Amino acid sequence: MNKWYSILIIVIFVLVAVSCSVPPMDTKTKLAEWRKGVWLAGDGSYTIYTDTHYFVVMASGDSSSANIYCGASQVRYHNKGMARKQVIRVRQFPGSTLTWFKENVLGHNAEIPLEIDTTQFAPNTCNIKDKIIYDSITEITKDYILLSTCNGDKEKIFSNGVSVYLPKDGGEFYSLRIERF
């Protein structure tokens, strides 16, 4: 009996030591980890975040009144926020022709790496410089990160896989992470 008790005490000590030795995540890592995955918004659109890109897919209507948006953007996470630059966009509003946008692309299968200027992250605001959008961290807690995005809007990204877009003029638009990478 004493042998098992001694082994149990040793195992508990090892587990406590290992859990205490794990360094806390820095803000950049938290933002990237809480963001990564497949997100479903209330409007039926999907956004997929990886370590270096995010992709948006939205389609509604029918062939006579298609409402389509597909976009691919580069993203870089930083302790001060998230920088993003659109690379490809396909857009069609109902009754309009399909439009294409391509930026930062070299040839058919390569893109120019996204270089960011970390001085562009400004508290409580979004900056745009050289077509790069700098969403700054306004608040961070153990449960969420609040980003200031463009036009005075904000986005609250929770550690549990919920995100809330908060337009400056009011309202809340929820997204749910349905797959994590």
Protein backbone atom coordinates (compact mmCIF):
# COMPACT_ATOMS: atom_id res chain seq x y z
CA MET A 1 0.00 0.00 0.00
CA ASN A 2 2.80 2.44 0.89
CA LYS A 3 4.49 1.69 -2.46
CA TRP A 4 1.40 2.82 -4.42
CA TYR A 5 0.97 5.84 -2.20
CA SER A 6 4.60 6.86 -2.87
CA ILE A 7 4.14 6.41 -6.63
CA LEU A 8 0.95 8.50 -6.53
CA ILE A 9 2.76 11.31 -4.68
CA ILE A 10 5.60 11.25 -7.25
CA VAL A 11 3.14 11.34 -10.17
CA ILE A 12 1.31 14.30 -8.62
CA PHE A 13 4.62 16.14 -8.12
CA VAL A 14 5.63 15.52 -11.73
CA LEU A 15 2.25 16.69 -13.04
CA VAL A 16 2.35 19.85 -10.95
CA ALA A 17 5.93 20.57 -12.04
CA VAL A 18 5.08 20.07 -15.72
CA SER A 19 1.94 22.23 -15.54
CA CYS A 20 3.85 25.00 -13.77
CA SER A 21 6.69 24.91 -16.29
CA VAL A 22 4.45 25.58 -19.30
CA PRO A 23 4.97 29.24 -20.15
CA PRO A 24 1.84 31.33 -20.64
CA MET A 25 0.96 32.15 -24.24
CA ASP A 26 1.96 35.59 -25.44
CA THR A 27 -0.70 37.78 -27.04
CA LYS A 28 0.38 36.97 -30.60
CA THR A 29 0.11 33.22 -29.96
CA LYS A 30 -3.27 33.60 -28.22
CA LEU A 31 -4.68 35.64 -31.09
CA ALA A 32 -3.43 33.16 -33.69
CA GLU A 33 -4.64 30.10 -31.77
CA TRP A 34 -8.04 31.54 -30.88
CA ARG A 35 -8.51 32.65 -34.50
CA LYS A 36 -7.35 29.50 -36.29
CA GLY A 37 -10.04 27.27 -37.79
CA VAL A 38 -13.26 27.33 -39.80
CA TRP A 39 -15.81 29.93 -38.73
CA LEU A 40 -19.49 30.02 -39.66
CA ALA A 41 -21.23 33.41 -39.49
CA GLY A 42 -24.93 34.00 -38.97
CA ASP A 43 -25.35 35.01 -42.62
CA GLY A 44 -24.11 31.59 -43.76
CA SER A 45 -20.65 32.74 -44.83
CA TYR A 46 -17.52 30.82 -43.92
CA THR A 47 -14.15 32.24 -42.94
CA ILE A 48 -11.13 29.98 -42.65
CA TYR A 49 -8.12 31.26 -40.70
CA THR A 50 -4.68 29.65 -40.89
CA ASP A 51 -1.33 30.82 -39.52
CA THR A 52 -0.67 32.95 -42.63
CA HIS A 53 -3.96 33.45 -44.50
CA TYR A 54 -7.68 33.73 -44.19
CA PHE A 55 -10.30 32.86 -46.76
CA VAL A 56 -13.92 34.04 -46.96
CA VAL A 57 -16.66 32.25 -48.92
CA MET A 58 -20.20 33.63 -49.16
CA ALA A 59 -22.89 32.86 -51.70
CA SER A 60 -26.63 33.43 -51.76
CA GLY A 61 -29.39 33.94 -54.28
CA ASP A 62 -29.75 31.99 -57.53
CA SER A 63 -28.30 32.16 -61.04
CA SER A 64 -30.41 35.20 -61.93
CA SER A 65 -29.57 37.16 -58.74
CA ALA A 66 -26.32 35.71 -57.44
CA ASN A 67 -24.65 37.35 -54.46
CA ILE A 68 -21.12 35.93 -54.34
CA TYR A 69 -18.03 36.92 -52.40
CA CYS A 70 -14.82 34.89 -52.19
CA GLY A 71 -11.61 36.35 -50.91
CA ALA A 72 -8.15 35.29 -49.86
CA SER A 73 -5.97 37.49 -47.67
CA GLN A 74 -2.58 37.24 -46.09
CA VAL A 75 -2.56 37.68 -42.32
CA ARG A 76 0.17 38.30 -39.75
CA TYR A 77 -0.42 38.15 -36.02
CA HIS A 78 1.47 40.40 -33.65
CA ASN A 79 1.38 41.17 -29.92
CA LYS A 80 -0.25 44.50 -30.86
CA GLY A 81 -2.89 43.07 -33.23
CA MET A 82 -3.50 41.51 -36.60
CA ALA A 83 -2.35 42.80 -40.01
CA ARG A 84 -4.08 41.67 -43.19
CA LYS A 85 -3.84 42.28 -46.91
CA GLN A 86 -6.21 40.99 -49.55
CA VAL A 87 -4.62 38.91 -52.29
CA ILE A 88 -7.59 37.71 -54.37
CA ARG A 89 -11.24 38.72 -54.44
CA VAL A 90 -14.15 37.53 -56.57
CA ARG A 91 -17.36 39.55 -56.15
CA GLN A 92 -20.79 39.58 -57.78
CA PHE A 93 -23.71 41.61 -56.49
CA PRO A 94 -27.22 40.62 -57.61
CA GLY A 95 -27.78 41.83 -61.17
CA SER A 96 -24.12 42.78 -61.68
CA THR A 97 -21.26 41.19 -63.52
CA LEU A 98 -18.58 39.20 -61.74
CA THR A 99 -15.48 41.26 -60.79
CA TRP A 100 -11.98 39.99 -60.02
CA PHE A 101 -9.19 41.49 -57.94
CA LYS A 102 -5.64 40.20 -57.64
CA GLU A 103 -2.81 41.80 -55.62
CA ASN A 104 0.54 40.63 -54.25
CA VAL A 105 0.64 37.68 -56.65
CA LEU A 106 3.73 36.59 -58.59
CA GLY A 107 2.97 34.44 -61.61
CA HIS A 108 0.39 31.70 -61.28
CA ASN A 109 1.33 30.08 -58.00
CA ALA A 110 3.31 32.40 -55.76
CA GLU A 111 2.66 35.50 -53.71
CA ILE A 112 4.79 38.30 -52.37
CA PRO A 113 5.37 37.74 -48.63
CA LEU A 114 3.48 40.14 -46.39
CA GLU A 115 5.87 42.51 -44.64
CA ILE A 116 4.25 44.59 -41.90
CA ASP A 117 5.19 47.81 -40.14
CA THR A 118 4.44 47.17 -36.46
CA THR A 119 4.40 50.91 -35.73
CA GLN A 120 1.08 51.05 -37.60
CA PHE A 121 -0.75 49.29 -34.75
CA ALA A 122 -2.38 52.19 -32.90
CA PRO A 123 -4.45 51.79 -29.72
CA ASN A 124 -8.24 51.69 -30.22
CA THR A 125 -8.10 52.14 -33.98
CA CYS A 126 -7.49 50.50 -37.32
CA ASN A 127 -4.84 51.86 -39.66
CA ILE A 128 -4.44 51.22 -43.37
CA LYS A 129 -1.05 51.71 -45.00
CA ASP A 130 0.10 50.34 -48.36
CA LYS A 131 -3.18 48.38 -48.63
CA ILE A 132 -2.41 46.56 -45.36
CA ILE A 133 -5.07 46.79 -42.67
CA TYR A 134 -3.75 46.94 -39.10
CA ASP A 135 -6.41 45.87 -36.58
CA SER A 136 -5.12 46.76 -33.12
CA ILE A 137 -5.78 45.06 -29.83
CA THR A 138 -7.92 47.29 -27.63
CA GLU A 139 -8.38 44.93 -24.70
CA ILE A 140 -7.21 41.48 -23.72
CA THR A 141 -8.45 39.25 -20.91
CA LYS A 142 -8.07 35.56 -20.14
CA ASP A 143 -11.33 34.93 -22.05
CA TYR A 144 -11.24 37.29 -25.05
CA ILE A 145 -9.29 39.67 -27.25
CA LEU A 146 -11.00 42.84 -28.45
CA LEU A 147 -9.75 44.12 -31.82
CA SER A 148 -10.39 47.59 -33.19
CA THR A 149 -11.18 47.19 -36.87
CA CYS A 150 -12.00 49.68 -39.61
CA ASN A 151 -14.68 52.39 -39.44
CA GLY A 152 -14.78 52.32 -35.63
CA ASP A 153 -16.05 48.72 -35.54
CA LYS A 154 -14.68 46.18 -33.09
CA GLU A 155 -14.45 42.39 -32.94
CA LYS A 156 -14.35 40.34 -29.77
CA ILE A 157 -12.66 36.95 -30.23
CA PHE A 158 -13.32 34.55 -27.38
CA SER A 159 -11.08 31.66 -26.35
CA ASN A 160 -14.07 29.27 -26.57
CA GLY A 161 -14.56 29.61 -30.33
CA VAL A 162 -17.10 32.44 -30.48
CA SER A 163 -16.49 35.75 -32.21
CA VAL A 164 -18.73 38.83 -32.07
CA TYR A 165 -18.50 41.62 -34.63
CA LEU A 166 -19.56 44.93 -33.06
CA PRO A 167 -20.32 47.67 -35.60
CA LYS A 168 -19.78 51.23 -34.38
CA ASP A 169 -23.46 52.03 -35.00
CA GLY A 170 -24.68 49.14 -32.84
CA GLY A 171 -25.68 45.51 -33.17
CA GLU A 172 -23.85 42.24 -32.75
CA PHE A 173 -23.01 39.65 -35.39
CA TYR A 174 -21.88 36.26 -34.12
CA SER A 175 -19.59 33.68 -35.70
CA LEU A 176 -18.89 30.22 -34.35
CA ARG A 177 -15.71 28.22 -34.91
CA ILE A 178 -16.95 24.87 -36.20
CA GLU A 179 -13.54 23.32 -36.83
CA ARG A 180 -10.21 23.94 -35.18
CA PHE A 181 -6.78 23.27 -36.74
